[in-house]
Amino acid sequence: MNTNFSFIYPLTKKNTGFTRLGDQIYNHVADLLVKGVAYITNASILNNISHQYKFVISEILHNGKNIYTETDLLEPIENINAACINHIEQLVYNSGPGMEE
């Protein structure tokens, strides 16, 4: 099964001027629109969640411009990939068997 997905990824920057003990403060910098296709695999539910879902990011937009190739300059792609997995899991959980095949 597969489905298209898109979500807003907030780009933040750590505020080094103010911290409280054990807390970190982040400032919102921009929003990135992440678009792609998610594939649900036949992996067992007992497997690691990253084995249950595969995805391909088609574009990452900032102010309407595709910055997918320059994304690592702004945010590590691993963080965006983790957000994709989380978003896909929520799509599957909320939509159930109604996903496209």
N, C-alpha and C. Protein backbone atom coordinates (compact mmCIF):
# COMPACT_ATOMS: atom_id res chain seq x y z
N MET A 1 0.85 -1.18 0.00
CA MET A 1 0.00 0.00 0.00
C MET A 1 0.89 1.23 0.00
N ASN A 2 0.40 2.28 -0.65
CA ASN A 2 1.15 3.53 -0.64
C ASN A 2 0.21 4.71 -0.58
N THR A 3 0.75 5.84 -0.19
CA THR A 3 -0.03 7.07 -0.12
C THR A 3 0.90 8.26 -0.23
N ASN A 4 0.40 9.34 -0.81
CA ASN A 4 1.15 10.59 -0.83
C ASN A 4 1.02 11.26 0.53
N PHE A 5 2.05 11.98 0.92
CA PHE A 5 1.98 12.71 2.17
C PHE A 5 2.62 14.08 2.00
N SER A 6 2.23 14.99 2.86
CA SER A 6 2.88 16.29 2.96
C SER A 6 2.62 16.81 4.37
N PHE A 7 3.59 17.52 4.89
CA PHE A 7 3.44 18.10 6.21
C PHE A 7 4.41 19.27 6.35
N ILE A 8 4.11 20.10 7.33
CA ILE A 8 4.95 21.26 7.61
C ILE A 8 5.98 20.86 8.66
N TYR A 9 7.25 21.09 8.34
CA TYR A 9 8.34 20.82 9.28
C TYR A 9 8.86 22.16 9.78
N PRO A 10 8.73 22.44 11.08
CA PRO A 10 9.20 23.72 11.60
C PRO A 10 10.72 23.74 11.74
N LEU A 11 11.33 24.71 11.13
CA LEU A 11 12.78 24.89 11.22
C LEU A 11 13.05 25.80 12.41
N THR A 12 13.83 25.31 13.37
CA THR A 12 14.10 26.08 14.58
C THR A 12 15.60 26.24 14.79
N LYS A 13 15.94 27.20 15.64
CA LYS A 13 17.33 27.43 16.00
C LYS A 13 17.41 27.53 17.52
N LYS A 14 18.40 26.86 18.07
CA LYS A 14 18.58 26.86 19.52
C LYS A 14 18.96 28.27 19.99
N ASN A 15 18.27 28.74 21.01
CA ASN A 15 18.55 30.05 21.59
C ASN A 15 19.65 29.88 22.62
N THR A 16 20.82 30.40 22.31
CA THR A 16 21.95 30.25 23.23
C THR A 16 21.99 31.35 24.28
N GLY A 17 21.16 32.38 24.13
CA GLY A 17 21.18 33.50 25.06
C GLY A 17 20.42 33.23 26.34
N PHE A 18 19.51 32.25 26.32
CA PHE A 18 18.69 32.01 27.50
C PHE A 18 18.46 30.51 27.67
N THR A 19 18.84 30.00 28.81
CA THR A 19 18.54 28.61 29.14
C THR A 19 18.19 28.52 30.61
N ARG A 20 17.36 27.57 30.91
CA ARG A 20 17.07 27.25 32.30
C ARG A 20 17.66 25.88 32.57
N LEU A 21 17.88 25.57 33.79
CA LEU A 21 18.45 24.29 34.15
C LEU A 21 17.63 23.15 33.56
N GLY A 22 18.24 22.38 32.67
CA GLY A 22 17.57 21.23 32.07
C GLY A 22 16.67 21.56 30.89
N ASP A 23 16.48 22.82 30.57
CA ASP A 23 15.61 23.22 29.47
C ASP A 23 16.42 23.88 28.37
N GLN A 24 15.95 23.74 27.17
CA GLN A 24 16.53 24.43 26.03
C GLN A 24 15.43 25.21 25.34
N ILE A 25 15.74 26.40 24.93
CA ILE A 25 14.76 27.26 24.27
C ILE A 25 15.10 27.31 22.78
N TYR A 26 14.09 27.16 21.94
CA TYR A 26 14.27 27.20 20.49
C TYR A 26 13.43 28.32 19.89
N ASN A 27 13.98 28.99 18.91
CA ASN A 27 13.27 30.03 18.18
C ASN A 27 12.84 29.50 16.82
N HIS A 28 11.61 29.82 16.42
CA HIS A 28 11.11 29.42 15.11
C HIS A 28 11.79 30.27 14.05
N VAL A 29 12.35 29.61 13.02
CA VAL A 29 13.03 30.30 11.94
C VAL A 29 12.18 30.33 10.68
N ALA A 30 11.67 29.18 10.28
CA ALA A 30 10.87 29.07 9.05
C ALA A 30 10.12 27.76 9.06
N ASP A 31 9.23 27.61 8.09
CA ASP A 31 8.50 26.35 7.90
C ASP A 31 8.91 25.75 6.57
N LEU A 32 9.17 24.44 6.58
CA LEU A 32 9.47 23.71 5.36
C LEU A 32 8.29 22.80 5.06
N LEU A 33 7.89 22.74 3.80
CA LEU A 33 6.82 21.84 3.38
C LEU A 33 7.47 20.60 2.78
N VAL A 34 7.29 19.46 3.44
CA VAL A 34 7.89 18.20 3.01
C VAL A 34 6.81 17.39 2.28
N LYS A 35 7.12 16.94 1.06
CA LYS A 35 6.19 16.14 0.26
C LYS A 35 6.86 14.85 -0.18
N GLY A 36 6.08 13.79 -0.26
CA GLY A 36 6.64 12.52 -0.70
C GLY A 36 5.59 11.44 -0.82
N VAL A 37 6.08 10.21 -0.98
CA VAL A 37 5.23 9.02 -1.08
C VAL A 37 5.66 8.04 -0.01
N ALA A 38 4.68 7.50 0.71
CA ALA A 38 4.95 6.52 1.77
C ALA A 38 4.50 5.14 1.30
N TYR A 39 5.30 4.14 1.64
CA TYR A 39 4.99 2.75 1.32
C TYR A 39 4.90 1.96 2.61
N ILE A 40 3.81 1.24 2.80
CA ILE A 40 3.62 0.42 3.98
C ILE A 40 4.12 -0.98 3.61
N THR A 41 5.09 -1.49 4.35
CA THR A 41 5.66 -2.80 4.06
C THR A 41 4.89 -3.88 4.81
N ASN A 42 5.25 -5.12 4.57
CA ASN A 42 4.62 -6.25 5.25
C ASN A 42 5.37 -6.66 6.51
N ALA A 43 6.21 -5.78 7.03
CA ALA A 43 6.98 -6.10 8.23
C ALA A 43 6.05 -6.31 9.42
N SER A 44 6.46 -7.15 10.31
CA SER A 44 5.69 -7.43 11.51
C SER A 44 5.60 -6.18 12.37
N ILE A 45 4.48 -6.08 13.07
CA ILE A 45 4.28 -4.93 13.97
C ILE A 45 5.31 -4.94 15.11
N LEU A 46 5.92 -6.10 15.36
CA LEU A 46 6.92 -6.19 16.42
C LEU A 46 8.27 -5.64 15.98
N ASN A 47 8.45 -5.46 14.68
CA ASN A 47 9.70 -4.91 14.17
C ASN A 47 9.83 -3.44 14.52
N ASN A 48 11.02 -2.94 14.37
CA ASN A 48 11.28 -1.51 14.52
C ASN A 48 10.35 -0.75 13.59
N ILE A 49 9.84 0.38 14.05
CA ILE A 49 8.88 1.15 13.26
C ILE A 49 9.45 1.56 11.91
N SER A 50 10.76 1.80 11.82
CA SER A 50 11.35 2.22 10.56
C SER A 50 11.33 1.11 9.51
N HIS A 51 11.12 -0.15 9.93
CA HIS A 51 11.01 -1.26 8.98
C HIS A 51 9.59 -1.40 8.43
N GLN A 52 8.62 -0.83 9.12
CA GLN A 52 7.23 -0.95 8.70
C GLN A 52 6.86 0.03 7.60
N TYR A 53 7.57 1.14 7.53
CA TYR A 53 7.24 2.18 6.56
C TYR A 53 8.50 2.56 5.78
N LYS A 54 8.34 2.67 4.49
CA LYS A 54 9.39 3.20 3.63
C LYS A 54 8.81 4.44 2.97
N PHE A 55 9.66 5.38 2.64
CA PHE A 55 9.15 6.60 2.02
C PHE A 55 10.21 7.20 1.11
N VAL A 56 9.74 8.00 0.20
CA VAL A 56 10.60 8.74 -0.71
C VAL A 56 10.16 10.19 -0.64
N ILE A 57 11.06 11.07 -0.26
CA ILE A 57 10.77 12.49 -0.23
C ILE A 57 10.94 13.02 -1.65
N SER A 58 9.90 13.62 -2.19
CA SER A 58 9.98 14.15 -3.55
C SER A 58 10.47 15.60 -3.57
N GLU A 59 10.07 16.38 -2.57
CA GLU A 59 10.53 17.76 -2.51
C GLU A 59 10.38 18.32 -1.11
N ILE A 60 11.23 19.28 -0.82
CA ILE A 60 11.16 20.04 0.42
C ILE A 60 11.12 21.51 0.00
N LEU A 61 9.99 22.15 0.27
CA LEU A 61 9.77 23.51 -0.21
C LEU A 61 9.96 24.54 0.90
N HIS A 62 10.62 25.64 0.55
CA HIS A 62 10.73 26.80 1.42
C HIS A 62 10.36 28.01 0.58
N ASN A 63 9.30 28.69 0.95
CA ASN A 63 8.79 29.83 0.19
C ASN A 63 8.56 29.47 -1.29
N GLY A 64 8.04 28.26 -1.53
CA GLY A 64 7.72 27.82 -2.87
C GLY A 64 8.89 27.30 -3.70
N LYS A 65 10.11 27.35 -3.15
CA LYS A 65 11.28 26.87 -3.88
C LYS A 65 11.71 25.52 -3.33
N ASN A 66 11.99 24.57 -4.22
CA ASN A 66 12.43 23.24 -3.81
C ASN A 66 13.89 23.33 -3.35
N ILE A 67 14.13 23.07 -2.07
CA ILE A 67 15.48 23.14 -1.52
C ILE A 67 15.97 21.77 -1.06
N TYR A 68 15.39 20.71 -1.64
CA TYR A 68 15.73 19.36 -1.20
C TYR A 68 17.23 19.09 -1.24
N THR A 69 17.92 19.53 -2.27
CA THR A 69 19.35 19.25 -2.38
C THR A 69 20.19 20.07 -1.40
N GLU A 70 19.67 21.19 -0.91
CA GLU A 70 20.41 22.03 0.03
C GLU A 70 19.93 21.88 1.47
N THR A 71 19.06 20.92 1.73
CA THR A 71 18.45 20.80 3.04
C THR A 71 19.47 20.59 4.16
N ASP A 72 20.53 19.83 3.89
CA ASP A 72 21.51 19.56 4.95
C ASP A 72 22.20 20.83 5.44
N LEU A 73 22.14 21.90 4.67
CA LEU A 73 22.71 23.17 5.13
C LEU A 73 21.86 23.79 6.22
N LEU A 74 20.56 23.48 6.22
CA LEU A 74 19.63 24.05 7.19
C LEU A 74 19.34 23.12 8.36
N GLU A 75 19.11 21.86 8.04
CA GLU A 75 18.66 20.88 9.04
C GLU A 75 19.16 19.51 8.60
N PRO A 76 19.71 18.72 9.50
CA PRO A 76 20.14 17.38 9.12
C PRO A 76 18.96 16.57 8.56
N ILE A 77 19.19 15.90 7.44
CA ILE A 77 18.13 15.14 6.78
C ILE A 77 17.61 14.03 7.69
N GLU A 78 18.44 13.55 8.61
CA GLU A 78 17.99 12.51 9.55
C GLU A 78 16.83 13.01 10.40
N ASN A 79 16.86 14.29 10.78
CA ASN A 79 15.76 14.85 11.58
C ASN A 79 14.48 14.91 10.76
N ILE A 80 14.59 15.28 9.49
CA ILE A 80 13.42 15.34 8.62
C ILE A 80 12.90 13.93 8.35
N ASN A 81 13.81 12.97 8.17
CA ASN A 81 13.39 11.57 7.98
C ASN A 81 12.63 11.06 9.20
N ALA A 82 13.10 11.38 10.39
CA ALA A 82 12.40 10.96 11.62
C ALA A 82 11.01 11.58 11.68
N ALA A 83 10.89 12.83 11.27
CA ALA A 83 9.58 13.49 11.24
C ALA A 83 8.67 12.82 10.21
N CYS A 84 9.24 12.37 9.09
CA CYS A 84 8.46 11.66 8.06
C CYS A 84 7.88 10.37 8.63
N ILE A 85 8.72 9.60 9.31
CA ILE A 85 8.25 8.34 9.91
C ILE A 85 7.11 8.61 10.88
N ASN A 86 7.28 9.63 11.72
CA ASN A 86 6.24 9.98 12.69
C ASN A 86 4.96 10.38 11.98
N HIS A 87 5.07 11.20 10.95
CA HIS A 87 3.89 11.65 10.21
C HIS A 87 3.19 10.48 9.52
N ILE A 88 3.96 9.60 8.90
CA ILE A 88 3.38 8.44 8.21
C ILE A 88 2.67 7.53 9.19
N GLU A 89 3.26 7.32 10.35
CA GLU A 89 2.61 6.49 11.37
C GLU A 89 1.27 7.09 11.76
N GLN A 90 1.21 8.39 11.92
CA GLN A 90 -0.06 9.05 12.26
C GLN A 90 -1.08 8.91 11.13
N LEU A 91 -0.61 9.02 9.87
CA LEU A 91 -1.52 8.83 8.73
C LEU A 91 -2.14 7.44 8.75
N VAL A 92 -1.31 6.42 8.97
CA VAL A 92 -1.79 5.04 8.98
C VAL A 92 -2.73 4.82 10.15
N TYR A 93 -2.36 5.33 11.31
CA TYR A 93 -3.19 5.14 12.51
C TYR A 93 -4.54 5.81 12.35
N ASN A 94 -4.56 7.02 11.80
CA ASN A 94 -5.81 7.78 11.69
C ASN A 94 -6.70 7.34 10.53
N SER A 95 -6.09 6.80 9.45
CA SER A 95 -6.91 6.45 8.29
C SER A 95 -7.22 4.97 8.21
N GLY A 96 -6.44 4.13 8.87
CA GLY A 96 -6.72 2.70 8.89
C GLY A 96 -6.71 2.06 7.52
N PRO A 97 -7.68 1.22 7.22
CA PRO A 97 -7.66 0.47 5.97
C PRO A 97 -8.00 1.29 4.73
N GLY A 98 -8.29 2.57 4.87
CA GLY A 98 -8.70 3.37 3.72
C GLY A 98 -7.54 3.91 2.90
N MET A 99 -6.33 3.48 3.14
CA MET A 99 -5.19 3.98 2.39
C MET A 99 -5.21 3.44 0.96
N GLU A 100 -4.62 4.21 0.04
CA GLU A 100 -4.57 3.80 -1.37
C GLU A 100 -3.68 2.58 -1.53
N GLU A 101 -4.03 1.76 -2.51
CA GLU A 101 -3.19 0.61 -2.83
C GLU A 101 -2.48 0.87 -4.14
